[in-house]
C-alpha cells in the first residue's frame, strides 16, 4: 500500500487578496525595511542587522519578518532582491540541508 503526502501550496504566481508589503535592505545602513498600507495609513518596520548579516541576509530577514507577521493571512510581498525571490520560489517543499553560514541557516529554519 502506497501513501502519498501532498503539501498545501502556499505561494501564488498571481497577486492574492490581501495586504501588499514592500521590503528592502541597505548595505550601508545595515538595516532592513518593511512598508505596508493598513487602513489607509502607511506603516513601516525597521530591522537592525546583526553580526554576520550581508545585504542578502538582511533582505531575507525582511521577508521572513513579513511571513511571521502575516502567517495567518494572505499577503503579497514585493522585493527587489533576486536572491530572496529565488529562495522563496524554491524553498516551498524543499528539504533544507546543513548550511555553513550560521546566519543564513537561522533564517531558513
PDB file of N, CA and C in Angstrom:
ATOM      1  N   UNK A   1       0.842  -1.177   0.000  1.00  0.00           N
ATOM      2  CA  UNK A   1       0.000   0.000   0.000  1.00  0.00           C
ATOM      3  C   UNK A   1       0.890   1.245   0.000  1.00  0.00           C
ATOM      4  N   UNK A   2       0.665   2.124  -0.953  1.00  0.00           N
ATOM      5  CA  UNK A   2       1.473   3.333  -1.076  1.00  0.00           C
ATOM      6  C   UNK A   2       0.721   4.522  -0.497  1.00  0.00           C
ATOM      7  N   UNK A   3       1.444   5.283   0.292  1.00  0.00           N
ATOM      8  CA  UNK A   3       0.872   6.510   0.830  1.00  0.00           C
ATOM      9  C   UNK A   3       1.477   7.691   0.096  1.00  0.00           C
ATOM     10  N   UNK A   4       0.669   8.682  -0.107  1.00  0.00           N
ATOM     11  CA  UNK A   4       1.145   9.876  -0.792  1.00  0.00           C
ATOM     12  C   UNK A   4       0.830  11.100   0.060  1.00  0.00           C
ATOM     13  N   UNK A   5       1.836  11.892   0.282  1.00  0.00           N
ATOM     14  CA  UNK A   5       1.651  13.111   1.059  1.00  0.00           C
ATOM     15  C   UNK A   5       1.650  14.289   0.094  1.00  0.00           C
ATOM     16  N   UNK A   6       0.623  15.086   0.181  1.00  0.00           N
ATOM     17  CA  UNK A   6       0.553  16.273  -0.661  1.00  0.00           C
ATOM     18  C   UNK A   6       0.626  17.507   0.223  1.00  0.00           C
ATOM     19  N   UNK A   7       1.450  18.429  -0.199  1.00  0.00           N
ATOM     20  CA  UNK A   7       1.574  19.662   0.551  1.00  0.00           C
ATOM     21  C   UNK A   7       0.601  20.702   0.032  1.00  0.00           C
ATOM     22  N   UNK A   8       0.112  21.506   0.945  1.00  0.00           N
ATOM     23  CA  UNK A   8      -0.733  22.625   0.561  1.00  0.00           C
ATOM     24  C   UNK A   8       0.173  23.700  -0.040  1.00  0.00           C
ATOM     25  N   UNK A   9      -0.143  24.141  -1.232  1.00  0.00           N
ATOM     26  CA  UNK A   9       0.644  25.171  -1.899  1.00  0.00           C
ATOM     27  C   UNK A   9       0.334  26.521  -1.247  1.00  0.00           C
ATOM     28  N   UNK A  10       1.371  27.190  -0.790  1.00  0.00           N
ATOM     29  CA  UNK A  10       1.191  28.462  -0.099  1.00  0.00           C
ATOM     30  C   UNK A  10       1.530  29.663  -0.988  1.00  0.00           C
ATOM     31  N   UNK A  11       2.301  29.447  -2.039  1.00  0.00           N
ATOM     32  CA  UNK A  11       2.784  30.529  -2.891  1.00  0.00           C
ATOM     33  C   UNK A  11       1.893  30.653  -4.120  1.00  0.00           C
ATOM     34  N   UNK A  12       1.711  31.876  -4.584  1.00  0.00           N
ATOM     35  CA  UNK A  12       0.884  32.117  -5.760  1.00  0.00           C
ATOM     36  C   UNK A  12       1.672  32.929  -6.783  1.00  0.00           C
ATOM     37  N   UNK A  13       1.488  32.603  -8.047  1.00  0.00           N
ATOM     38  CA  UNK A  13       2.135  33.355  -9.127  1.00  0.00           C
ATOM     39  C   UNK A  13       1.382  34.646  -9.450  1.00  0.00           C
ATOM     40  N   UNK A  14       0.148  34.750  -8.991  1.00  0.00           N
ATOM     41  CA  UNK A  14      -0.658  35.952  -9.228  1.00  0.00           C
ATOM     42  C   UNK A  14      -0.966  36.602  -7.878  1.00  0.00           C
ATOM     43  N   UNK A  15      -1.192  37.913  -7.859  1.00  0.00           N
ATOM     44  CA  UNK A  15      -1.492  38.578  -6.589  1.00  0.00           C
ATOM     45  C   UNK A  15      -2.707  37.961  -5.895  1.00  0.00           C
ATOM     46  N   UNK A  16      -2.645  37.928  -4.571  1.00  0.00           N
ATOM     47  CA  UNK A  16      -3.733  37.393  -3.763  1.00  0.00           C
ATOM     48  C   UNK A  16      -4.500  38.553  -3.134  1.00  0.00           C
ATOM     49  N   UNK A  17      -5.699  38.258  -2.640  1.00  0.00           N
ATOM     50  CA  UNK A  17      -6.470  39.281  -1.936  1.00  0.00           C
ATOM     51  C   UNK A  17      -5.912  39.374  -0.522  1.00  0.00           C
ATOM     52  N   UNK A  18      -5.144  40.388  -0.301  1.00  0.00           N
ATOM     53  CA  UNK A  18      -4.501  40.595   0.990  1.00  0.00           C
ATOM     54  C   UNK A  18      -3.614  41.820   0.916  1.00  0.00           C
ATOM     55  N   UNK A  19      -2.949  42.104   2.007  1.00  0.00           N
ATOM     56  CA  UNK A  19      -2.048  43.253   2.049  1.00  0.00           C
ATOM     57  C   UNK A  19      -0.891  43.070   1.077  1.00  0.00           C
ATOM     58  N   UNK A  20      -0.367  44.192   0.608  1.00  0.00           N
ATOM     59  CA  UNK A  20       0.856  44.197  -0.192  1.00  0.00           C
ATOM     60  C   UNK A  20       1.937  44.853   0.649  1.00  0.00           C
ATOM     61  N   UNK A  21       3.038  44.140   0.815  1.00  0.00           N
ATOM     62  CA  UNK A  21       4.123  44.587   1.687  1.00  0.00           C
ATOM     63  C   UNK A  21       5.390  44.728   0.851  1.00  0.00           C
ATOM     64  N   UNK A  22       6.072  45.846   1.027  1.00  0.00           N
ATOM     65  CA  UNK A  22       7.306  46.129   0.297  1.00  0.00           C
ATOM     66  C   UNK A  22       8.495  45.931   1.236  1.00  0.00           C
ATOM     67  N   UNK A  23       9.530  45.245   0.759  1.00  0.00           N
ATOM     68  CA  UNK A  23      10.717  45.009   1.581  1.00  0.00           C
ATOM     69  C   UNK A  23      11.960  45.504   0.853  1.00  0.00           C
ATOM     70  N   UNK A  24      12.936  45.926   1.631  1.00  0.00           N
ATOM     71  CA  UNK A  24      14.220  46.349   1.074  1.00  0.00           C
ATOM     72  C   UNK A  24      15.242  46.327   2.205  1.00  0.00           C
ATOM     73  N   UNK A  25      16.504  46.419   1.839  1.00  0.00           N
ATOM     74  CA  UNK A  25      17.576  46.468   2.832  1.00  0.00           C
ATOM     75  C   UNK A  25      18.682  47.364   2.317  1.00  0.00           C
ATOM     76  N   UNK A  26      19.441  47.914   3.256  1.00  0.00           N
ATOM     77  CA  UNK A  26      20.547  48.788   2.891  1.00  0.00           C
ATOM     78  C   UNK A  26      21.872  48.230   3.365  1.00  0.00           C
ATOM     79  N   UNK A  27      22.810  48.165   2.453  1.00  0.00           N
ATOM     80  CA  UNK A  27      24.137  47.651   2.795  1.00  0.00           C
ATOM     81  C   UNK A  27      24.860  48.598   3.752  1.00  0.00           C
ATOM     82  N   UNK A  28      24.794  49.903   3.462  1.00  0.00           N
ATOM     83  CA  UNK A  28      25.478  50.883   4.316  1.00  0.00           C
ATOM     84  C   UNK A  28      24.800  51.035   5.670  1.00  0.00           C
ATOM     85  N   UNK A  29      23.472  51.072   5.674  1.00  0.00           N
ATOM     86  CA  UNK A  29      22.739  51.260   6.937  1.00  0.00           C
ATOM     87  C   UNK A  29      22.682  49.986   7.769  1.00  0.00           C
ATOM     88  N   UNK A  30      22.928  48.852   7.123  1.00  0.00           N
ATOM     89  CA  UNK A  30      22.837  47.543   7.786  1.00  0.00           C
ATOM     90  C   UNK A  30      21.470  47.363   8.471  1.00  0.00           C
ATOM     91  N   UNK A  31      20.429  47.749   7.724  1.00  0.00           N
ATOM     92  CA  UNK A  31      19.060  47.595   8.216  1.00  0.00           C
ATOM     93  C   UNK A  31      18.164  47.098   7.091  1.00  0.00           C
ATOM     94  N   UNK A  32      17.084  46.449   7.491  1.00  0.00           N
ATOM     95  CA  UNK A  32      16.051  46.029   6.550  1.00  0.00           C
ATOM     96  C   UNK A  32      14.810  46.868   6.836  1.00  0.00           C
ATOM     97  N   UNK A  33      14.063  47.167   5.792  1.00  0.00           N
ATOM     98  CA  UNK A  33      12.861  47.985   5.936  1.00  0.00           C
ATOM     99  C   UNK A  33      11.666  47.265   5.329  1.00  0.00           C
ATOM    100  N   UNK A  34      10.541  47.393   6.006  1.00  0.00           N
ATOM    101  CA  UNK A  34       9.286  46.803   5.549  1.00  0.00           C
ATOM    102  C   UNK A  34       8.233  47.913   5.591  1.00  0.00           C
ATOM    103  N   UNK A  35       7.443  48.051   4.534  1.00  0.00           N
ATOM    104  CA  UNK A  35       6.411  49.088   4.461  1.00  0.00           C
ATOM    105  C   UNK A  35       5.128  48.478   3.914  1.00  0.00           C
ATOM    106  N   UNK A  36       3.993  48.875   4.481  1.00  0.00           N
ATOM    107  CA  UNK A  36       2.694  48.399   4.011  1.00  0.00           C
ATOM    108  C   UNK A  36       1.628  49.432   4.364  1.00  0.00           C
ATOM    109  N   UNK A  37       0.490  49.339   3.707  1.00  0.00           N
ATOM    110  CA  UNK A  37      -0.621  50.241   3.946  1.00  0.00           C
ATOM    111  C   UNK A  37      -1.680  49.494   4.737  1.00  0.00           C
ATOM    112  N   UNK A  38      -2.031  50.032   5.897  1.00  0.00           N
ATOM    113  CA  UNK A  38      -3.052  49.407   6.746  1.00  0.00           C
ATOM    114  C   UNK A  38      -4.182  50.409   6.959  1.00  0.00           C
ATOM    115  N   UNK A  39      -5.304  50.146   6.329  1.00  0.00           N
ATOM    116  CA  UNK A  39      -6.470  51.006   6.501  1.00  0.00           C
ATOM    117  C   UNK A  39      -6.248  52.444   6.067  1.00  0.00           C
ATOM    118  N   UNK A  40      -5.470  52.641   5.009  1.00  0.00           N
ATOM    119  CA  UNK A  40      -5.216  53.984   4.512  1.00  0.00           C
ATOM    120  C   UNK A  40      -4.012  54.672   5.141  1.00  0.00           C
ATOM    121  N   UNK A  41      -3.389  54.022   6.109  1.00  0.00           N
ATOM    122  CA  UNK A  41      -2.207  54.584   6.763  1.00  0.00           C
ATOM    123  C   UNK A  41      -0.983  53.737   6.454  1.00  0.00           C
ATOM    124  N   UNK A  42       0.094  54.390   6.017  1.00  0.00           N
ATOM    125  CA  UNK A  42       1.331  53.664   5.743  1.00  0.00           C
ATOM    126  C   UNK A  42       2.022  53.319   7.052  1.00  0.00           C
ATOM    127  N   UNK A  43       2.408  52.073   7.161  1.00  0.00           N
ATOM    128  CA  UNK A  43       3.120  51.561   8.334  1.00  0.00           C
ATOM    129  C   UNK A  43       4.513  51.133   7.893  1.00  0.00           C
ATOM    130  N   UNK A  44       5.440  51.113   8.831  1.00  0.00           N
ATOM    131  CA  UNK A  44       6.781  50.641   8.480  1.00  0.00           C
ATOM    132  C   UNK A  44       7.444  49.987   9.679  1.00  0.00           C
ATOM    133  N   UNK A  45       8.405  49.173   9.375  1.00  0.00           N
ATOM    134  CA  UNK A  45       9.183  48.481  10.402  1.00  0.00           C
ATOM    135  C   UNK A  45      10.633  48.460   9.938  1.00  0.00           C
ATOM    136  N   UNK A  46      11.547  48.859  10.806  1.00  0.00           N
ATOM    137  CA  UNK A  46      12.974  48.772  10.522  1.00  0.00           C
ATOM    138  C   UNK A  46      13.567  47.650  11.355  1.00  0.00           C
ATOM    139  N   UNK A  47      14.369  46.821  10.720  1.00  0.00           N
ATOM    140  CA  UNK A  47      15.027  45.717  11.413  1.00  0.00           C
ATOM    141  C   UNK A  47      16.530  45.952  11.376  1.00  0.00           C
ATOM    142  N   UNK A  48      17.159  46.107  12.535  1.00  0.00           N
ATOM    143  CA  UNK A  48      18.610  46.304  12.535  1.00  0.00           C
ATOM    144  C   UNK A  48      19.323  45.014  12.161  1.00  0.00           C
ATOM    145  N   UNK A  49      20.430  45.159  11.480  1.00  0.00           N
ATOM    146  CA  UNK A  49      21.232  43.989  11.146  1.00  0.00           C
ATOM    147  C   UNK A  49      21.927  43.448  12.383  1.00  0.00           C
ATOM    148  N   UNK A  50      22.363  42.212  12.288  1.00  0.00           N
ATOM    149  CA  UNK A  50      23.136  41.591  13.359  1.00  0.00           C
ATOM    150  C   UNK A  50      24.486  41.176  12.788  1.00  0.00           C
ATOM    151  N   UNK A  51      25.406  40.876  13.672  1.00  0.00           N
ATOM    152  CA  UNK A  51      26.736  40.460  13.258  1.00  0.00           C
ATOM    153  C   UNK A  51      26.634  39.296  12.274  1.00  0.00           C
ATOM    154  N   UNK A  52      27.301  39.403  11.162  1.00  0.00           N
ATOM    155  CA  UNK A  52      27.278  38.340  10.164  1.00  0.00           C
ATOM    156  C   UNK A  52      26.280  38.557   9.048  1.00  0.00           C
ATOM    157  N   UNK A  53      25.436  39.600   9.163  1.00  0.00           N
ATOM    158  CA  UNK A  53      24.469  39.876   8.100  1.00  0.00           C
ATOM    159  C   UNK A  53      25.164  40.412   6.854  1.00  0.00           C
ATOM    160  N   UNK A  54      24.701  39.959   5.709  1.00  0.00           N
ATOM    161  CA  UNK A  54      25.089  40.520   4.416  1.00  0.00           C
ATOM    162  C   UNK A  54      23.853  41.231   3.877  1.00  0.00           C
ATOM    163  N   UNK A  55      23.987  41.890   2.750  1.00  0.00           N
ATOM    164  CA  UNK A  55      22.819  42.522   2.140  1.00  0.00           C
ATOM    165  C   UNK A  55      21.742  41.474   1.859  1.00  0.00           C
ATOM    166  N   UNK A  56      22.155  40.291   1.396  1.00  0.00           N
ATOM    167  CA  UNK A  56      21.199  39.227   1.069  1.00  0.00           C
ATOM    168  C   UNK A  56      20.483  38.710   2.318  1.00  0.00           C
ATOM    169  N   UNK A  57      21.211  38.531   3.422  1.00  0.00           N
ATOM    170  CA  UNK A  57      20.536  38.029   4.626  1.00  0.00           C
ATOM    171  C   UNK A  57      19.631  39.101   5.226  1.00  0.00           C
ATOM    172  N   UNK A  58      19.991  40.368   5.078  1.00  0.00           N
ATOM    173  CA  UNK A  58      19.091  41.437   5.525  1.00  0.00           C
ATOM    174  C   UNK A  58      17.808  41.440   4.701  1.00  0.00           C
ATOM    175  N   UNK A  59      17.945  41.287   3.386  1.00  0.00           N
ATOM    176  CA  UNK A  59      16.764  41.222   2.512  1.00  0.00           C
ATOM    177  C   UNK A  59      15.895  40.016   2.885  1.00  0.00           C
ATOM    178  N   UNK A  60      16.528  38.882   3.124  1.00  0.00           N
ATOM    179  CA  UNK A  60      15.794  37.672   3.506  1.00  0.00           C
ATOM    180  C   UNK A  60      15.131  37.849   4.866  1.00  0.00           C
ATOM    181  N   UNK A  61      15.825  38.498   5.787  1.00  0.00           N
ATOM    182  CA  UNK A  61      15.257  38.723   7.118  1.00  0.00           C
ATOM    183  C   UNK A  61      13.969  39.539   7.030  1.00  0.00           C
ATOM    184  N   UNK A  62      13.942  40.534   6.147  1.00  0.00           N
ATOM    185  CA  UNK A  62      12.734  41.345   5.978  1.00  0.00           C
ATOM    186  C   UNK A  62      11.558  40.484   5.520  1.00  0.00           C
ATOM    187  N   UNK A  63      11.800  39.604   4.571  1.00  0.00           N
ATOM    188  CA  UNK A  63      10.728  38.740   4.062  1.00  0.00           C
ATOM    189  C   UNK A  63      10.300  37.726   5.124  1.00  0.00           C
ATOM    190  N   UNK A  64      11.240  37.187   5.869  1.00  0.00           N
ATOM    191  CA  UNK A  64      10.900  36.268   6.968  1.00  0.00           C
ATOM    192  C   UNK A  64      10.023  36.993   7.988  1.00  0.00           C
ATOM    193  N   UNK A  65      10.354  38.237   8.299  1.00  0.00           N
ATOM    194  CA  UNK A  65       9.554  39.030   9.238  1.00  0.00           C
ATOM    195  C   UNK A  65       8.115  39.155   8.732  1.00  0.00           C
ATOM    196  N   UNK A  66       7.962  39.432   7.431  1.00  0.00           N
ATOM    197  CA  UNK A  66       6.615  39.544   6.846  1.00  0.00           C
ATOM    198  C   UNK A  66       5.862  38.226   7.004  1.00  0.00           C
ATOM    199  N   UNK A  67       6.510  37.109   6.689  1.00  0.00           N
ATOM    200  CA  UNK A  67       5.852  35.805   6.832  1.00  0.00           C
ATOM    201  C   UNK A  67       5.419  35.560   8.274  1.00  0.00           C
ATOM    202  N   UNK A  68       6.219  35.976   9.230  1.00  0.00           N
ATOM    203  CA  UNK A  68       5.869  35.784  10.639  1.00  0.00           C
ATOM    204  C   UNK A  68       4.688  36.655  11.050  1.00  0.00           C
ATOM    205  N   UNK A  69       4.648  37.887  10.567  1.00  0.00           N
ATOM    206  CA  UNK A  69       3.568  38.808  10.939  1.00  0.00           C
ATOM    207  C   UNK A  69       2.245  38.475  10.251  1.00  0.00           C
ATOM    208  N   UNK A  70       2.294  37.950   9.051  1.00  0.00           N
ATOM    209  CA  UNK A  70       1.101  37.642   8.264  1.00  0.00           C
ATOM    210  C   UNK A  70       0.930  36.125   8.118  1.00  0.00           C
ATOM    211  N   UNK A  71       1.336  35.356   9.094  1.00  0.00           N
ATOM    212  CA  UNK A  71       1.319  33.903   8.931  1.00  0.00           C
ATOM    213  C   UNK A  71      -0.081  33.319   8.772  1.00  0.00           C
ATOM    214  N   UNK A  72      -1.097  34.025   9.218  1.00  0.00           N
ATOM    215  CA  UNK A  72      -2.463  33.508   9.096  1.00  0.00           C
ATOM    216  C   UNK A  72      -3.308  34.278   8.081  1.00  0.00           C
ATOM    217  N   UNK A  73      -2.662  35.110   7.277  1.00  0.00           N
ATOM    218  CA  UNK A  73      -3.406  35.920   6.305  1.00  0.00           C
ATOM    219  C   UNK A  73      -2.653  35.946   4.978  1.00  0.00           C
ATOM    220  N   UNK A  74      -3.382  36.005   3.874  1.00  0.00           N
ATOM    221  CA  UNK A  74      -2.708  36.114   2.578  1.00  0.00           C
ATOM    222  C   UNK A  74      -1.981  37.454   2.479  1.00  0.00           C
ATOM    223  N   UNK A  75      -0.808  37.437   1.867  1.00  0.00           N
ATOM    224  CA  UNK A  75      -0.011  38.651   1.742  1.00  0.00           C
ATOM    225  C   UNK A  75       0.768  38.620   0.429  1.00  0.00           C
ATOM    226  N   UNK A  76       0.890  39.770  -0.199  1.00  0.00           N
ATOM    227  CA  UNK A  76       1.727  39.939  -1.385  1.00  0.00           C
ATOM    228  C   UNK A  76       3.012  40.612  -0.931  1.00  0.00           C
ATOM    229  N   UNK A  77       4.141  40.049  -1.301  1.00  0.00           N
ATOM    230  CA  UNK A  77       5.427  40.624  -0.912  1.00  0.00           C
ATOM    231  C   UNK A  77       6.142  41.111  -2.162  1.00  0.00           C
ATOM    232  N   UNK A  78       6.577  42.363  -2.118  1.00  0.00           N
ATOM    233  CA  UNK A  78       7.331  42.952  -3.218  1.00  0.00           C
ATOM    234  C   UNK A  78       8.767  43.141  -2.742  1.00  0.00           C
ATOM    235  N   UNK A  79       9.705  42.495  -3.444  1.00  0.00           N
ATOM    236  CA  UNK A  79      11.125  42.575  -3.104  1.00  0.00           C
ATOM    237  C   UNK A  79      11.926  42.832  -4.372  1.00  0.00           C
ATOM    238  N   UNK A  80      12.984  43.630  -4.244  1.00  0.00           N
ATOM    239  CA  UNK A  80      13.860  43.857  -5.397  1.00  0.00           C
ATOM    240  C   UNK A  80      15.074  42.931  -5.374  1.00  0.00           C
ATOM    241  N   UNK A  81      15.061  41.971  -4.461  1.00  0.00           N
ATOM    242  CA  UNK A  81      16.190  41.056  -4.322  1.00  0.00           C
ATOM    243  C   UNK A  81      15.955  39.766  -5.102  1.00  0.00           C
ATOM    244  N   UNK A  82      16.705  39.588  -6.166  1.00  0.00           N
ATOM    245  CA  UNK A  82      16.613  38.355  -6.947  1.00  0.00           C
ATOM    246  C   UNK A  82      16.960  37.150  -6.077  1.00  0.00           C
ATOM    247  N   UNK A  83      17.911  37.326  -5.170  1.00  0.00           N
ATOM    248  CA  UNK A  83      18.315  36.263  -4.247  1.00  0.00           C
ATOM    249  C   UNK A  83      17.126  35.806  -3.395  1.00  0.00           C
ATOM    250  N   UNK A  84      16.428  36.765  -2.800  1.00  0.00           N
ATOM    251  CA  UNK A  84      15.303  36.432  -1.918  1.00  0.00           C
ATOM    252  C   UNK A  84      14.149  35.831  -2.706  1.00  0.00           C
ATOM    253  N   UNK A  85      13.800  36.431  -3.825  1.00  0.00           N
ATOM    254  CA  UNK A  85      12.702  35.899  -4.639  1.00  0.00           C
ATOM    255  C   UNK A  85      13.022  34.474  -5.076  1.00  0.00           C
ATOM    256  N   UNK A  86      14.246  34.227  -5.516  1.00  0.00           N
ATOM    257  CA  UNK A  86      14.652  32.880  -5.910  1.00  0.00           C
ATOM    258  C   UNK A  86      14.580  31.898  -4.758  1.00  0.00           C
ATOM    259  N   UNK A  87      14.969  32.350  -3.568  1.00  0.00           N
ATOM    260  CA  UNK A  87      14.911  31.488  -2.384  1.00  0.00           C
ATOM    261  C   UNK A  87      13.470  31.131  -2.045  1.00  0.00           C
ATOM    262  N   UNK A  88      12.592  32.121  -2.045  1.00  0.00           N
ATOM    263  CA  UNK A  88      11.181  31.882  -1.710  1.00  0.00           C
ATOM    264  C   UNK A  88      10.532  30.951  -2.725  1.00  0.00           C
ATOM    265  N   UNK A  89      10.833  31.141  -3.995  1.00  0.00           N
ATOM    266  CA  UNK A  89      10.257  30.293  -5.044  1.00  0.00           C
ATOM    267  C   UNK A  89      10.682  28.838  -4.859  1.00  0.00           C
ATOM    268  N   UNK A  90      11.926  28.630  -4.464  1.00  0.00           N
ATOM    269  CA  UNK A  90      12.459  27.264  -4.379  1.00  0.00           C
ATOM    270  C   UNK A  90      12.241  26.576  -3.035  1.00  0.00           C
ATOM    271  N   UNK A  91      12.016  27.333  -1.974  1.00  0.00           N
ATOM    272  CA  UNK A  91      12.040  26.736  -0.643  1.00  0.00           C
ATOM    273  C   UNK A  91      10.773  25.950  -0.301  1.00  0.00           C
ATOM    274  N   UNK A  92       9.653  26.309  -0.912  1.00  0.00           N
ATOM    275  CA  UNK A  92       8.414  25.604  -0.580  1.00  0.00           C
ATOM    276  C   UNK A  92       8.536  24.132  -0.965  1.00  0.00           C
ATOM    277  N   UNK A  93       8.418  23.282  -0.002  1.00  0.00           N
ATOM    278  CA  UNK A  93       8.513  21.844  -0.238  1.00  0.00           C
ATOM    279  C   UNK A  93       9.931  21.322  -0.299  1.00  0.00           C
ATOM    280  N   UNK A  94      10.916  22.198  -0.124  1.00  0.00           N
ATOM    281  CA  UNK A  94      12.314  21.763  -0.204  1.00  0.00           C
ATOM    282  C   UNK A  94      12.794  21.244   1.145  1.00  0.00           C
ATOM    283  N   UNK A  95      13.758  20.376   1.083  1.00  0.00           N
ATOM    284  CA  UNK A  95      14.421  19.922   2.299  1.00  0.00           C
ATOM    285  C   UNK A  95      15.674  20.778   2.455  1.00  0.00           C
ATOM    286  N   UNK A  96      15.847  21.355   3.628  1.00  0.00           N
ATOM    287  CA  UNK A  96      16.979  22.241   3.872  1.00  0.00           C
ATOM    288  C   UNK A  96      18.156  21.421   4.367  1.00  0.00           C
ATOM    289  N   UNK A  97      19.266  21.515   3.642  1.00  0.00           N
ATOM    290  CA  UNK A  97      20.471  20.815   4.076  1.00  0.00           C
ATOM    291  C   UNK A  97      21.226  21.701   5.056  1.00  0.00           C
ATOM    292  N   UNK A  98      22.257  21.161   5.635  1.00  0.00           N
ATOM    293  CA  UNK A  98      23.075  21.931   6.555  1.00  0.00           C
ATOM    294  C   UNK A  98      23.733  23.079   5.795  1.00  0.00           C
ATOM    295  N   UNK A  99      23.612  24.273   6.315  1.00  0.00           N
ATOM    296  CA  UNK A  99      24.184  25.458   5.696  1.00  0.00           C
ATOM    297  C   UNK A  99      25.319  25.951   6.586  1.00  0.00           C
ATOM    298  N   UNK A 100      26.483  26.193   6.005  1.00  0.00           N
ATOM    299  CA  UNK A 100      27.654  26.601   6.788  1.00  0.00           C
ATOM    300  C   UNK A 100      27.520  28.001   7.369  1.00  0.00           C
ATOM    301  N   UNK A 101      26.797  28.876   6.695  1.00  0.00           N
ATOM    302  CA  UNK A 101      26.596  30.240   7.172  1.00  0.00           C
ATOM    303  C   UNK A 101      25.526  30.210   8.263  1.00  0.00           C
ATOM    304  N   UNK A 102      25.934  30.415   9.514  1.00  0.00           N
ATOM    305  CA  UNK A 102      25.004  30.317  10.645  1.00  0.00           C
ATOM    306  C   UNK A 102      23.832  31.290  10.528  1.00  0.00           C
ATOM    307  N   UNK A 103      24.092  32.495  10.053  1.00  0.00           N
ATOM    308  CA  UNK A 103      23.030  33.494   9.936  1.00  0.00           C
ATOM    309  C   UNK A 103      21.996  33.054   8.906  1.00  0.00           C
ATOM    310  N   UNK A 104      22.453  32.595   7.765  1.00  0.00           N
ATOM    311  CA  UNK A 104      21.550  32.116   6.727  1.00  0.00           C
ATOM    312  C   UNK A 104      20.772  30.905   7.221  1.00  0.00           C
ATOM    313  N   UNK A 105      21.432  29.997   7.906  1.00  0.00           N
ATOM    314  CA  UNK A 105      20.772  28.802   8.450  1.00  0.00           C
ATOM    315  C   UNK A 105      19.632  29.193   9.384  1.00  0.00           C
ATOM    316  N   UNK A 106      19.859  30.186  10.253  1.00  0.00           N
ATOM    317  CA  UNK A 106      18.814  30.596  11.196  1.00  0.00           C
ATOM    318  C   UNK A 106      17.612  31.210  10.477  1.00  0.00           C
ATOM    319  N   UNK A 107      17.836  31.874   9.356  1.00  0.00           N
ATOM    320  CA  UNK A 107      16.731  32.480   8.613  1.00  0.00           C
ATOM    321  C   UNK A 107      15.931  31.456   7.817  1.00  0.00           C
ATOM    322  N   UNK A 108      16.582  30.394   7.387  1.00  0.00           N
ATOM    323  CA  UNK A 108      15.897  29.386   6.573  1.00  0.00           C
ATOM    324  C   UNK A 108      15.052  28.427   7.404  1.00  0.00           C
ATOM    325  N   UNK A 109      15.325  28.322   8.682  1.00  0.00           N
ATOM    326  CA  UNK A 109      14.557  27.386   9.517  1.00  0.00           C
ATOM    327  C   UNK A 109      13.357  27.996  10.142  1.00  0.00           C
TER     328      UNK A 109
END
